[in-house]
Amino acid sequence: KFGQILSTRRDLLPDDIADELAQLQDRVPPFPGDQARRLIEKSLG
């Protein structure tokens, strides 16, 4: 979350760091899809 906030501040960060932090917005390493399926099935019954 801290990195996501920083990623919008290109006036305060060098470009190479801002470009990498921008990936935190939707490219955080995912957890397995089959695990997500099991969580959905458990919640919806």
PDB file of all heavy atoms in Angstrom:
ATOM      1  N   LYS A   1       0.827  -1.199   0.000  1.00  0.00           N
ATOM      2  CA  LYS A   1       0.000   0.000   0.000  1.00  0.00           C
ATOM      3  C   LYS A   1       0.868   1.259   0.000  1.00  0.00           C
ATOM      4  O   LYS A   1       0.586   2.239  -0.691  1.00  0.00           O
ATOM      5  CB  LYS A   1      -0.912   0.018   1.236  1.00  0.00           C
ATOM      6  CG  LYS A   1      -2.118  -0.895   1.129  1.00  0.00           C
ATOM      7  CD  LYS A   1      -3.112  -0.347   0.117  1.00  0.00           C
ATOM      8  CE  LYS A   1      -4.281  -1.294  -0.037  1.00  0.00           C
ATOM      9  NZ  LYS A   1      -5.149  -0.882  -1.165  1.00  0.00           N
ATOM     10  N   PHE A   2       1.920   1.233   0.789  1.00  0.00           N
ATOM     11  CA  PHE A   2       2.846   2.366   0.845  1.00  0.00           C
ATOM     12  C   PHE A   2       3.478   2.599  -0.529  1.00  0.00           C
ATOM     13  O   PHE A   2       3.575   3.733  -1.008  1.00  0.00           O
ATOM     14  CB  PHE A   2       3.925   2.084   1.897  1.00  0.00           C
ATOM     15  CG  PHE A   2       4.993   3.145   1.987  1.00  0.00           C
ATOM     16  CD1 PHE A   2       4.681   4.407   2.460  1.00  0.00           C
ATOM     17  CD2 PHE A   2       6.295   2.883   1.611  1.00  0.00           C
ATOM     18  CE1 PHE A   2       5.665   5.393   2.547  1.00  0.00           C
ATOM     19  CE2 PHE A   2       7.270   3.849   1.698  1.00  0.00           C
ATOM     20  CZ  PHE A   2       6.959   5.110   2.172  1.00  0.00           C
ATOM     21  N   GLY A   3       3.880   1.519  -1.184  1.00  0.00           N
ATOM     22  CA  GLY A   3       4.470   1.633  -2.516  1.00  0.00           C
ATOM     23  C   GLY A   3       3.481   2.147  -3.543  1.00  0.00           C
ATOM     24  O   GLY A   3       3.844   2.918  -4.442  1.00  0.00           O
ATOM     25  N   GLN A   4       2.209   1.746  -3.430  1.00  0.00           N
ATOM     26  CA  GLN A   4       1.186   2.231  -4.353  1.00  0.00           C
ATOM     27  C   GLN A   4       1.001   3.737  -4.233  1.00  0.00           C
ATOM     28  O   GLN A   4       0.833   4.431  -5.239  1.00  0.00           O
ATOM     29  CB  GLN A   4      -0.140   1.514  -4.086  1.00  0.00           C
ATOM     30  CG  GLN A   4      -0.149   0.059  -4.546  1.00  0.00           C
ATOM     31  CD  GLN A   4      -1.432  -0.652  -4.153  1.00  0.00           C
ATOM     32  OE1 GLN A   4      -2.183  -0.166  -3.322  1.00  0.00           O
ATOM     33  NE2 GLN A   4      -1.675  -1.797  -4.756  1.00  0.00           N
ATOM     34  N   ILE A   5       1.026   4.234  -3.012  1.00  0.00           N
ATOM     35  CA  ILE A   5       0.900   5.677  -2.817  1.00  0.00           C
ATOM     36  C   ILE A   5       2.097   6.397  -3.438  1.00  0.00           C
ATOM     37  O   ILE A   5       1.952   7.400  -4.148  1.00  0.00           O
ATOM     38  CB  ILE A   5       0.785   6.014  -1.319  1.00  0.00           C
ATOM     39  CG1 ILE A   5      -0.509   5.440  -0.744  1.00  0.00           C
ATOM     40  CG2 ILE A   5       0.833   7.519  -1.086  1.00  0.00           C
ATOM     41  CD1 ILE A   5      -0.601   5.514   0.764  1.00  0.00           C
ATOM     42  N   LEU A   6       3.298   5.853  -3.198  1.00  0.00           N
ATOM     43  CA  LEU A   6       4.502   6.475  -3.750  1.00  0.00           C
ATOM     44  C   LEU A   6       4.515   6.454  -5.276  1.00  0.00           C
ATOM     45  O   LEU A   6       5.068   7.352  -5.907  1.00  0.00           O
ATOM     46  CB  LEU A   6       5.748   5.764  -3.226  1.00  0.00           C
ATOM     47  CG  LEU A   6       6.183   6.049  -1.795  1.00  0.00           C
ATOM     48  CD1 LEU A   6       7.441   5.259  -1.461  1.00  0.00           C
ATOM     49  CD2 LEU A   6       6.452   7.535  -1.594  1.00  0.00           C
ATOM     50  N   SER A   7       3.902   5.443  -5.892  1.00  0.00           N
ATOM     51  CA  SER A   7       3.995   5.273  -7.342  1.00  0.00           C
ATOM     52  C   SER A   7       3.364   6.427  -8.104  1.00  0.00           C
ATOM     53  O   SER A   7       3.702   6.659  -9.270  1.00  0.00           O
ATOM     54  CB  SER A   7       3.325   3.956  -7.763  1.00  0.00           C
ATOM     55  OG  SER A   7       1.921   4.034  -7.608  1.00  0.00           O
ATOM     56  N   THR A   8       2.442   7.167  -7.478  1.00  0.00           N
ATOM     57  CA  THR A   8       1.799   8.296  -8.159  1.00  0.00           C
ATOM     58  C   THR A   8       2.614   9.581  -8.024  1.00  0.00           C
ATOM     59  O   THR A   8       2.256  10.594  -8.626  1.00  0.00           O
ATOM     60  CB  THR A   8       0.396   8.546  -7.588  1.00  0.00           C
ATOM     61  OG1 THR A   8       0.501   8.923  -6.208  1.00  0.00           O
ATOM     62  CG2 THR A   8      -0.453   7.292  -7.695  1.00  0.00           C
ATOM     63  N   ARG A   9       3.695   9.545  -7.260  1.00  0.00           N
ATOM     64  CA  ARG A   9       4.468  10.760  -6.981  1.00  0.00           C
ATOM     65  C   ARG A   9       5.730  10.805  -7.828  1.00  0.00           C
ATOM     66  O   ARG A   9       6.848  10.757  -7.319  1.00  0.00           O
ATOM     67  CB  ARG A   9       4.818  10.850  -5.489  1.00  0.00           C
ATOM     68  CG  ARG A   9       3.649  10.707  -4.564  1.00  0.00           C
ATOM     69  CD  ARG A   9       2.602  11.761  -4.823  1.00  0.00           C
ATOM     70  NE  ARG A   9       3.183  13.072  -4.723  1.00  0.00           N
ATOM     71  CZ  ARG A   9       2.731  14.128  -5.366  1.00  0.00           C
ATOM     72  NH1 ARG A   9       1.726  14.015  -6.177  1.00  0.00           N
ATOM     73  NH2 ARG A   9       3.330  15.292  -5.221  1.00  0.00           N
ATOM     74  N   ARG A  10       5.564  10.930  -9.138  1.00  0.00           N
ATOM     75  CA  ARG A  10       6.715  10.957 -10.042  1.00  0.00           C
ATOM     76  C   ARG A  10       7.539  12.236  -9.882  1.00  0.00           C
ATOM     77  O   ARG A  10       8.680  12.294 -10.350  1.00  0.00           O
ATOM     78  CB  ARG A  10       6.253  10.806 -11.490  1.00  0.00           C
ATOM     79  CG  ARG A  10       5.760   9.399 -11.797  1.00  0.00           C
ATOM     80  CD  ARG A  10       5.362   9.212 -13.243  1.00  0.00           C
ATOM     81  NE  ARG A  10       5.017   7.824 -13.501  1.00  0.00           N
ATOM     82  CZ  ARG A  10       5.875   6.897 -13.903  1.00  0.00           C
ATOM     83  NH1 ARG A  10       7.137   7.222 -14.113  1.00  0.00           N
ATOM     84  NH2 ARG A  10       5.489   5.656 -14.101  1.00  0.00           N
ATOM     85  N   ASP A  11       6.952  13.250  -9.285  1.00  0.00           N
ATOM     86  CA  ASP A  11       7.721  14.466  -9.032  1.00  0.00           C
ATOM     87  C   ASP A  11       8.665  14.293  -7.844  1.00  0.00           C
ATOM     88  O   ASP A  11       9.603  15.074  -7.675  1.00  0.00           O
ATOM     89  CB  ASP A  11       6.778  15.640  -8.768  1.00  0.00           C
ATOM     90  CG  ASP A  11       5.819  15.361  -7.616  1.00  0.00           C
ATOM     91  OD1 ASP A  11       5.303  14.223  -7.545  1.00  0.00           O
ATOM     92  OD2 ASP A  11       5.593  16.257  -6.787  1.00  0.00           O
ATOM     93  N   LEU A  12       8.436  13.270  -7.020  1.00  0.00           N
ATOM     94  CA  LEU A  12       9.275  13.050  -5.835  1.00  0.00           C
ATOM     95  C   LEU A  12      10.215  11.864  -6.000  1.00  0.00           C
ATOM     96  O   LEU A  12      11.124  11.697  -5.191  1.00  0.00           O
ATOM     97  CB  LEU A  12       8.390  12.811  -4.601  1.00  0.00           C
ATOM     98  CG  LEU A  12       7.366  13.908  -4.265  1.00  0.00           C
ATOM     99  CD1 LEU A  12       6.556  13.508  -3.042  1.00  0.00           C
ATOM    100  CD2 LEU A  12       8.068  15.230  -4.023  1.00  0.00           C
ATOM    101  N   LEU A  13      10.010  11.035  -7.034  1.00  0.00           N
ATOM    102  CA  LEU A  13      10.793   9.808  -7.207  1.00  0.00           C
ATOM    103  C   LEU A  13      11.515   9.821  -8.549  1.00  0.00           C
ATOM    104  O   LEU A  13      11.004  10.378  -9.523  1.00  0.00           O
ATOM    105  CB  LEU A  13       9.884   8.576  -7.163  1.00  0.00           C
ATOM    106  CG  LEU A  13       9.198   8.225  -5.850  1.00  0.00           C
ATOM    107  CD1 LEU A  13       8.255   7.050  -6.069  1.00  0.00           C
ATOM    108  CD2 LEU A  13      10.212   7.885  -4.780  1.00  0.00           C
ATOM    109  N   PRO A  14      12.683   9.179  -8.633  1.00  0.00           N
ATOM    110  CA  PRO A  14      13.304   8.972  -9.943  1.00  0.00           C
ATOM    111  C   PRO A  14      12.419   8.096 -10.823  1.00  0.00           C
ATOM    112  O   PRO A  14      11.648   7.267 -10.329  1.00  0.00           O
ATOM    113  CB  PRO A  14      14.618   8.246  -9.593  1.00  0.00           C
ATOM    114  CG  PRO A  14      14.863   8.522  -8.151  1.00  0.00           C
ATOM    115  CD  PRO A  14      13.501   8.685  -7.525  1.00  0.00           C
ATOM    116  N   ASP A  15      12.522   8.260 -12.140  1.00  0.00           N
ATOM    117  CA  ASP A  15      11.627   7.553 -13.064  1.00  0.00           C
ATOM    118  C   ASP A  15      11.750   6.037 -12.941  1.00  0.00           C
ATOM    119  O   ASP A  15      10.745   5.321 -13.042  1.00  0.00           O
ATOM    120  CB  ASP A  15      11.931   7.977 -14.508  1.00  0.00           C
ATOM    121  CG  ASP A  15      11.431   9.382 -14.798  1.00  0.00           C
ATOM    122  OD1 ASP A  15      10.574   9.862 -14.034  1.00  0.00           O
ATOM    123  OD2 ASP A  15      11.909   9.995 -15.773  1.00  0.00           O
ATOM    124  N   ASP A  16      12.977   5.523 -12.749  1.00  0.00           N
ATOM    125  CA  ASP A  16      13.141   4.069 -12.717  1.00  0.00           C
ATOM    126  C   ASP A  16      12.414   3.458 -11.523  1.00  0.00           C
ATOM    127  O   ASP A  16      11.796   2.392 -11.627  1.00  0.00           O
ATOM    128  CB  ASP A  16      14.628   3.698 -12.689  1.00  0.00           C
ATOM    129  CG  ASP A  16      15.351   4.260 -11.467  1.00  0.00           C
ATOM    130  OD1 ASP A  16      15.041   5.400 -11.070  1.00  0.00           O
ATOM    131  OD2 ASP A  16      16.224   3.560 -10.909  1.00  0.00           O
ATOM    132  N   ILE A  17      12.418   4.148 -10.369  1.00  0.00           N
ATOM    133  CA  ILE A  17      11.720   3.643  -9.187  1.00  0.00           C
ATOM    134  C   ILE A  17      10.212   3.795  -9.354  1.00  0.00           C
ATOM    135  O   ILE A  17       9.444   2.876  -9.040  1.00  0.00           O
ATOM    136  CB  ILE A  17      12.206   4.372  -7.920  1.00  0.00           C
ATOM    137  CG1 ILE A  17      13.695   4.056  -7.660  1.00  0.00           C
ATOM    138  CG2 ILE A  17      11.367   3.990  -6.709  1.00  0.00           C
ATOM    139  CD1 ILE A  17      14.277   4.768  -6.467  1.00  0.00           C
ATOM    140  N   ALA A  18       9.759   4.945  -9.887  1.00  0.00           N
ATOM    141  CA  ALA A  18       8.322   5.158 -10.085  1.00  0.00           C
ATOM    142  C   ALA A  18       7.739   4.136 -11.054  1.00  0.00           C
ATOM    143  O   ALA A  18       6.632   3.624 -10.849  1.00  0.00           O
ATOM    144  CB  ALA A  18       8.079   6.582 -10.597  1.00  0.00           C
ATOM    145  N   ASP A  19       8.480   3.807 -12.132  1.00  0.00           N
ATOM    146  CA  ASP A  19       7.991   2.823 -13.109  1.00  0.00           C
ATOM    147  C   ASP A  19       7.804   1.451 -12.467  1.00  0.00           C
ATOM    148  O   ASP A  19       6.835   0.737 -12.746  1.00  0.00           O
ATOM    149  CB  ASP A  19       8.969   2.711 -14.287  1.00  0.00           C
ATOM    150  CG  ASP A  19       8.927   3.952 -15.174  1.00  0.00           C
ATOM    151  OD1 ASP A  19       7.940   4.695 -15.112  1.00  0.00           O
ATOM    152  OD2 ASP A  19       9.906   4.177 -15.920  1.00  0.00           O
ATOM    153  N   GLU A  20       8.744   1.055 -11.614  1.00  0.00           N
ATOM    154  CA  GLU A  20       8.642  -0.249 -10.965  1.00  0.00           C
ATOM    155  C   GLU A  20       7.512  -0.268  -9.930  1.00  0.00           C
ATOM    156  O   GLU A  20       6.759  -1.229  -9.838  1.00  0.00           O
ATOM    157  CB  GLU A  20       9.969  -0.621 -10.297  1.00  0.00           C
ATOM    158  CG  GLU A  20      11.028  -1.115 -11.250  1.00  0.00           C
ATOM    159  CD  GLU A  20      10.633  -2.415 -11.936  1.00  0.00           C
ATOM    160  OE1 GLU A  20       9.977  -3.253 -11.289  1.00  0.00           O
ATOM    161  OE2 GLU A  20      10.964  -2.580 -13.114  1.00  0.00           O
ATOM    162  N   LEU A  21       7.392   0.812  -9.148  1.00  0.00           N
ATOM    163  CA  LEU A  21       6.341   0.851  -8.131  1.00  0.00           C
ATOM    164  C   LEU A  21       4.953   0.881  -8.763  1.00  0.00           C
ATOM    165  O   LEU A  21       3.978   0.439  -8.148  1.00  0.00           O
ATOM    166  CB  LEU A  21       6.525   2.076  -7.224  1.00  0.00           C
ATOM    167  CG  LEU A  21       7.754   2.068  -6.317  1.00  0.00           C
ATOM    168  CD1 LEU A  21       7.757   3.288  -5.404  1.00  0.00           C
ATOM    169  CD2 LEU A  21       7.836   0.801  -5.489  1.00  0.00           C
ATOM    170  N   ALA A  22       4.854   1.389 -10.002  1.00  0.00           N
ATOM    171  CA  ALA A  22       3.568   1.391 -10.695  1.00  0.00           C
ATOM    172  C   ALA A  22       3.050  -0.028 -10.914  1.00  0.00           C
ATOM    173  O   ALA A  22       1.842  -0.252 -11.003  1.00  0.00           O
ATOM    174  CB  ALA A  22       3.691   2.115 -12.031  1.00  0.00           C
ATOM    175  N   GLN A  23       3.961  -1.001 -10.971  1.00  0.00           N
ATOM    176  CA  GLN A  23       3.544  -2.392 -11.156  1.00  0.00           C
ATOM    177  C   GLN A  23       2.847  -2.946  -9.918  1.00  0.00           C
ATOM    178  O   GLN A  23       2.150  -3.959  -9.988  1.00  0.00           O
ATOM    179  CB  GLN A  23       4.757  -3.262 -11.498  1.00  0.00           C
ATOM    180  CG  GLN A  23       5.421  -2.903 -12.812  1.00  0.00           C
ATOM    181  CD  GLN A  23       6.487  -3.910 -13.207  1.00  0.00           C
ATOM    182  OE1 GLN A  23       6.322  -5.101 -12.964  1.00  0.00           O
ATOM    183  NE2 GLN A  23       7.553  -3.435 -13.798  1.00  0.00           N
ATOM    184  N   LEU A  24       3.035  -2.283  -8.772  1.00  0.00           N
ATOM    185  CA  LEU A  24       2.365  -2.742  -7.552  1.00  0.00           C
ATOM    186  C   LEU A  24       0.861  -2.519  -7.624  1.00  0.00           C
ATOM    187  O   LEU A  24       0.105  -3.087  -6.844  1.00  0.00           O
ATOM    188  CB  LEU A  24       2.916  -1.993  -6.331  1.00  0.00           C
ATOM    189  CG  LEU A  24       4.356  -2.298  -5.931  1.00  0.00           C
ATOM    190  CD1 LEU A  24       4.816  -1.329  -4.856  1.00  0.00           C
ATOM    191  CD2 LEU A  24       4.500  -3.723  -5.450  1.00  0.00           C
ATOM    192  N   GLN A  25       0.404  -1.689  -8.565  1.00  0.00           N
ATOM    193  CA  GLN A  25      -1.001  -1.326  -8.601  1.00  0.00           C
ATOM    194  C   GLN A  25      -1.890  -2.491  -9.009  1.00  0.00           C
ATOM    195  O   GLN A  25      -3.027  -2.575  -8.607  1.00  0.00           O
ATOM    196  CB  GLN A  25      -1.189  -0.125  -9.531  1.00  0.00           C
ATOM    197  CG  GLN A  25      -0.557   1.131  -8.947  1.00  0.00           C
ATOM    198  CD  GLN A  25      -0.346   2.213  -9.984  1.00  0.00           C
ATOM    199  OE1 GLN A  25      -0.709   2.049 -11.146  1.00  0.00           O
ATOM    200  NE2 GLN A  25       0.258   3.312  -9.580  1.00  0.00           N
ATOM    201  N   ASP A  26      -1.408  -3.368  -9.862  1.00  0.00           N
ATOM    202  CA  ASP A  26      -2.243  -4.522 -10.226  1.00  0.00           C
ATOM    203  C   ASP A  26      -1.427  -5.742 -10.619  1.00  0.00           C
ATOM    204  O   ASP A  26      -1.938  -6.664 -11.229  1.00  0.00           O
ATOM    205  CB  ASP A  26      -3.199  -4.150 -11.362  1.00  0.00           C
ATOM    206  CG  ASP A  26      -2.465  -3.654 -12.613  1.00  0.00           C
ATOM    207  OD1 ASP A  26      -1.227  -3.653 -12.586  1.00  0.00           O
ATOM    208  OD2 ASP A  26      -3.138  -3.283 -13.588  1.00  0.00           O
ATOM    209  N   ARG A  27      -0.139  -5.756 -10.270  1.00  0.00           N
ATOM    210  CA  ARG A  27       0.697  -6.881 -10.683  1.00  0.00           C
ATOM    211  C   ARG A  27       1.416  -7.532  -9.499  1.00  0.00           C
ATOM    212  O   ARG A  27       2.514  -8.028  -9.626  1.00  0.00           O
ATOM    213  CB  ARG A  27       1.737  -6.414 -11.712  1.00  0.00           C
ATOM    214  CG  ARG A  27       1.118  -5.932 -13.019  1.00  0.00           C
ATOM    215  CD  ARG A  27       2.201  -5.695 -14.068  1.00  0.00           C
ATOM    216  NE  ARG A  27       1.650  -5.144 -15.289  1.00  0.00           N
ATOM    217  CZ  ARG A  27       1.546  -3.852 -15.553  1.00  0.00           C
ATOM    218  NH1 ARG A  27       1.955  -2.977 -14.655  1.00  0.00           N
ATOM    219  NH2 ARG A  27       1.048  -3.421 -16.678  1.00  0.00           N
ATOM    220  N   VAL A  28       0.804  -7.473  -8.331  1.00  0.00           N
ATOM    221  CA  VAL A  28       1.353  -8.182  -7.177  1.00  0.00           C
ATOM    222  C   VAL A  28       1.255  -9.684  -7.459  1.00  0.00           C
ATOM    223  O   VAL A  28       0.262 -10.145  -8.025  1.00  0.00           O
ATOM    224  CB  VAL A  28       0.569  -7.807  -5.900  1.00  0.00           C
ATOM    225  CG1 VAL A  28       1.033  -8.620  -4.716  1.00  0.00           C
ATOM    226  CG2 VAL A  28       0.713  -6.316  -5.617  1.00  0.00           C
ATOM    227  N   PRO A  29       2.275 -10.476  -7.112  1.00  0.00           N
ATOM    228  CA  PRO A  29       2.225 -11.925  -7.387  1.00  0.00           C
ATOM    229  C   PRO A  29       0.931 -12.549  -6.875  1.00  0.00           C
ATOM    230  O   PRO A  29       0.558 -12.361  -5.712  1.00  0.00           O
ATOM    231  CB  PRO A  29       3.446 -12.460  -6.636  1.00  0.00           C
ATOM    232  CG  PRO A  29       4.403 -11.323  -6.602  1.00  0.00           C
ATOM    233  CD  PRO A  29       3.555 -10.088  -6.491  1.00  0.00           C
ATOM    234  N   PRO A  30       0.202 -13.294  -7.727  1.00  0.00           N
ATOM    235  CA  PRO A  30      -1.096 -13.852  -7.329  1.00  0.00           C
ATOM    236  C   PRO A  30      -0.942 -15.120  -6.502  1.00  0.00           C
ATOM    237  O   PRO A  30       0.116 -15.744  -6.483  1.00  0.00           O
ATOM    238  CB  PRO A  30      -1.762 -14.162  -8.668  1.00  0.00           C
ATOM    239  CG  PRO A  30      -0.615 -14.481  -9.578  1.00  0.00           C
ATOM    240  CD  PRO A  30       0.520 -13.585  -9.144  1.00  0.00           C
ATOM    241  N   PHE A  31      -2.011 -15.500  -5.803  1.00  0.00           N
ATOM    242  CA  PHE A  31      -2.045 -16.827  -5.192  1.00  0.00           C
ATOM    243  C   PHE A  31      -2.720 -17.774  -6.187  1.00  0.00           C
ATOM    244  O   PHE A  31      -3.401 -17.321  -7.123  1.00  0.00           O
ATOM    245  CB  PHE A  31      -2.748 -16.801  -3.829  1.00  0.00           C
ATOM    246  CG  PHE A  31      -4.166 -16.329  -3.838  1.00  0.00           C
ATOM    247  CD1 PHE A  31      -5.218 -17.228  -3.986  1.00  0.00           C
ATOM    248  CD2 PHE A  31      -4.483 -14.987  -3.677  1.00  0.00           C
ATOM    249  CE1 PHE A  31      -6.538 -16.811  -3.983  1.00  0.00           C
ATOM    250  CE2 PHE A  31      -5.806 -14.553  -3.670  1.00  0.00           C
ATOM    251  CZ  PHE A  31      -6.825 -15.470  -3.822  1.00  0.00           C
ATOM    252  N   PRO A  32      -2.561 -19.091  -6.044  1.00  0.00           N
ATOM    253  CA  PRO A  32      -3.020 -20.039  -7.070  1.00  0.00           C
ATOM    254  C   PRO A  32      -4.520 -19.926  -7.373  1.00  0.00           C
ATOM    255  O   PRO A  32      -5.349 -19.727  -6.475  1.00  0.00           O
ATOM    256  CB  PRO A  32      -2.686 -21.404  -6.460  1.00  0.00           C
ATOM    257  CG  PRO A  32      -1.591 -21.130  -5.491  1.00  0.00           C
ATOM    258  CD  PRO A  32      -1.861 -19.767  -4.938  1.00  0.00           C
ATOM    259  N   GLY A  33      -4.869 -20.080  -8.658  1.00  0.00           N
ATOM    260  CA  GLY A  33      -6.257 -19.982  -9.089  1.00  0.00           C
ATOM    261  C   GLY A  33      -7.147 -21.065  -8.515  1.00  0.00           C
ATOM    262  O   GLY A  33      -8.323 -20.823  -8.214  1.00  0.00           O
ATOM    263  N   ASP A  34      -6.583 -22.282  -8.343  1.00  0.00           N
ATOM    264  CA  ASP A  34      -7.407 -23.353  -7.768  1.00  0.00           C
ATOM    265  C   ASP A  34      -7.735 -23.068  -6.306  1.00  0.00           C
ATOM    266  O   ASP A  34      -8.805 -23.440  -5.809  1.00  0.00           O
ATOM    267  CB  ASP A  34      -6.702 -24.706  -7.926  1.00  0.00           C
ATOM    268  CG  ASP A  34      -5.365 -24.738  -7.204  1.00  0.00           C
ATOM    269  OD1 ASP A  34      -4.784 -23.655  -6.971  1.00  0.00           O
ATOM    270  OD2 ASP A  34      -4.897 -25.845  -6.868  1.00  0.00           O
ATOM    271  N   GLN A  35      -6.830 -22.362  -5.618  1.00  0.00           N
ATOM    272  CA  GLN A  35      -7.113 -21.962  -4.238  1.00  0.00           C
ATOM    273  C   GLN A  35      -8.235 -20.912  -4.211  1.00  0.00           C
ATOM    274  O   GLN A  35      -9.109 -20.952  -3.345  1.00  0.00           O
ATOM    275  CB  GLN A  35      -5.848 -21.406  -3.579  1.00  0.00           C
ATOM    276  CG  GLN A  35      -5.982 -21.167  -2.086  1.00  0.00           C
ATOM    277  CD  GLN A  35      -4.670 -20.702  -1.458  1.00  0.00           C
ATOM    278  OE1 GLN A  35      -3.720 -20.353  -2.147  1.00  0.00           O
ATOM    279  NE2 GLN A  35      -4.630 -20.697  -0.136  1.00  0.00           N
ATOM    280  N   ALA A  36      -8.201 -19.991  -5.173  1.00  0.00           N
ATOM    281  CA  ALA A  36      -9.274 -18.999  -5.272  1.00  0.00           C
ATOM    282  C   ALA A  36     -10.609 -19.689  -5.536  1.00  0.00           C
ATOM    283  O   ALA A  36     -11.645 -19.325  -4.952  1.00  0.00           O
ATOM    284  CB  ALA A  36      -8.962 -18.008  -6.385  1.00  0.00           C
ATOM    285  N   ARG A  37     -10.601 -20.706  -6.397  1.00  0.00           N
ATOM    286  CA  ARG A  37     -11.833 -21.452  -6.692  1.00  0.00           C
ATOM    287  C   ARG A  37     -12.396 -22.092  -5.414  1.00  0.00           C
ATOM    288  O   ARG A  37     -13.597 -22.022  -5.149  1.00  0.00           O
ATOM    289  CB  ARG A  37     -11.536 -22.520  -7.742  1.00  0.00           C
ATOM    290  CG  ARG A  37     -12.725 -23.428  -8.058  1.00  0.00           C
ATOM    291  CD  ARG A  37     -12.289 -24.566  -8.958  1.00  0.00           C
ATOM    292  NE  ARG A  37     -12.065 -24.108 -10.314  1.00  0.00           N
ATOM    293  CZ  ARG A  37     -12.978 -24.092 -11.277  1.00  0.00           C
ATOM    294  NH1 ARG A  37     -14.202 -24.535 -11.020  1.00  0.00           N
ATOM    295  NH2 ARG A  37     -12.691 -23.657 -12.483  1.00  0.00           N
ATOM    296  N   ARG A  38     -11.515 -22.697  -4.614  1.00  0.00           N
ATOM    297  CA  ARG A  38     -11.979 -23.347  -3.379  1.00  0.00           C
ATOM    298  C   ARG A  38     -12.555 -22.325  -2.397  1.00  0.00           C
ATOM    299  O   ARG A  38     -13.557 -22.583  -1.724  1.00  0.00           O
ATOM    300  CB  ARG A  38     -10.823 -24.122  -2.732  1.00  0.00           C
ATOM    301  CG  ARG A  38     -10.401 -25.364  -3.515  1.00  0.00           C
ATOM    302  CD  ARG A  38      -9.522 -26.268  -2.665  1.00  0.00           C
ATOM    303  NE  ARG A  38      -8.305 -25.603  -2.248  1.00  0.00           N
ATOM    304  CZ  ARG A  38      -7.169 -25.605  -2.951  1.00  0.00           C
ATOM    305  NH1 ARG A  38      -7.123 -26.217  -4.131  1.00  0.00           N
ATOM    306  NH2 ARG A  38      -6.085 -24.988  -2.500  1.00  0.00           N
ATOM    307  N   LEU A  39     -11.927 -21.148  -2.308  1.00  0.00           N
ATOM    308  CA  LEU A  39     -12.428 -20.110  -1.416  1.00  0.00           C
ATOM    309  C   LEU A  39     -13.818 -19.640  -1.853  1.00  0.00           C
ATOM    310  O   LEU A  39     -14.711 -19.412  -1.020  1.00  0.00           O
ATOM    311  CB  LEU A  39     -11.456 -18.918  -1.401  1.00  0.00           C
ATOM    312  CG  LEU A  39     -10.133 -19.128  -0.667  1.00  0.00           C
ATOM    313  CD1 LEU A  39      -9.177 -17.970  -0.942  1.00  0.00           C
ATOM    314  CD2 LEU A  39     -10.365 -19.253   0.841  1.00  0.00           C
ATOM    315  N   ILE A  40     -14.012 -19.495  -3.175  1.00  0.00           N
ATOM    316  CA  ILE A  40     -15.316 -19.060  -3.701  1.00  0.00           C
ATOM    317  C   ILE A  40     -16.382 -20.111  -3.398  1.00  0.00           C
ATOM    318  O   ILE A  40     -17.493 -19.786  -2.942  1.00  0.00           O
ATOM    319  CB  ILE A  40     -15.207 -18.801  -5.213  1.00  0.00           C
ATOM    320  CG1 ILE A  40     -14.283 -17.601  -5.479  1.00  0.00           C
ATOM    321  CG2 ILE A  40     -16.586 -18.551  -5.819  1.00  0.00           C
ATOM    322  CD1 ILE A  40     -13.890 -17.429  -6.931  1.00  0.00           C
ATOM    323  N   GLU A  41     -16.060 -21.370  -3.638  1.00  0.00           N
ATOM    324  CA  GLU A  41     -17.028 -22.442  -3.397  1.00  0.00           C
ATOM    325  C   GLU A  41     -17.392 -22.543  -1.922  1.00  0.00           C
ATOM    326  O   GLU A  41     -18.559 -22.769  -1.563  1.00  0.00           O
ATOM    327  CB  GLU A  41     -16.469 -23.770  -3.904  1.00  0.00           C
ATOM    328  CG  GLU A  41     -16.365 -23.833  -5.422  1.00  0.00           C
ATOM    329  CD  GLU A  41     -15.753 -25.132  -5.925  1.00  0.00           C
ATOM    330  OE1 GLU A  41     -15.070 -25.819  -5.126  1.00  0.00           O
ATOM    331  OE2 GLU A  41     -15.945 -25.455  -7.113  1.00  0.00           O
ATOM    332  N   LYS A  42     -16.397 -22.346  -1.060  1.00  0.00           N
ATOM    333  CA  LYS A  42     -16.670 -22.408   0.377  1.00  0.00           C
ATOM    334  C   LYS A  42     -17.577 -21.254   0.811  1.00  0.00           C
ATOM    335  O   LYS A  42     -18.497 -21.439   1.627  1.00  0.00           O
ATOM    336  CB  LYS A  42     -15.353 -22.371   1.158  1.00  0.00           C
ATOM    337  CG  LYS A  42     -15.536 -22.476   2.663  1.00  0.00           C
ATOM    338  CD  LYS A  42     -14.192 -22.463   3.377  1.00  0.00           C
ATOM    339  CE  LYS A  42     -14.372 -22.534   4.888  1.00  0.00           C
ATOM    340  NZ  LYS A  42     -13.058 -22.484   5.599  1.00  0.00           N
ATOM    341  N   SER A  43     -17.341 -20.067   0.261  1.00  0.00           N
ATOM    342  CA  SER A  43     -18.144 -18.897   0.646  1.00  0.00           C
ATOM    343  C   SER A  43     -19.560 -18.972   0.111  1.00  0.00           C
ATOM    344  O   SER A  43     -20.520 -18.627   0.810  1.00  0.00           O
ATOM    345  CB  SER A  43     -17.465 -17.612   0.149  1.00  0.00           C
ATOM    346  OG  SER A  43     -16.255 -17.396   0.821  1.00  0.00           O
ATOM    347  N   LEU A  44     -19.713 -19.400  -1.159  1.00  0.00           N
ATOM    348  CA  LEU A  44     -21.039 -19.440  -1.777  1.00  0.00           C
ATOM    349  C   LEU A  44     -21.796 -20.719  -1.453  1.00  0.00           C
ATOM    350  O   LEU A  44     -23.006 -20.808  -1.684  1.00  0.00           O
ATOM    351  CB  LEU A  44     -20.913 -19.271  -3.290  1.00  0.00           C
ATOM    352  CG  LEU A  44     -20.296 -17.946  -3.771  1.00  0.00           C
ATOM    353  CD1 LEU A  44     -20.249 -17.898  -5.286  1.00  0.00           C
ATOM    354  CD2 LEU A  44     -21.061 -16.750  -3.227  1.00  0.00           C
ATOM    355  N   GLY A  45     -21.088 -21.738  -0.961  1.00  0.00           N
ATOM    356  CA  GLY A  45     -21.737 -22.974  -0.565  1.00  0.00           C
ATOM    357  C   GLY A  45     -22.173 -23.852  -1.726  1.00  0.00           C
ATOM    358  O   GLY A  45     -23.052 -24.706  -1.560  1.00  0.00           O
TER     359      GLY A  45
END
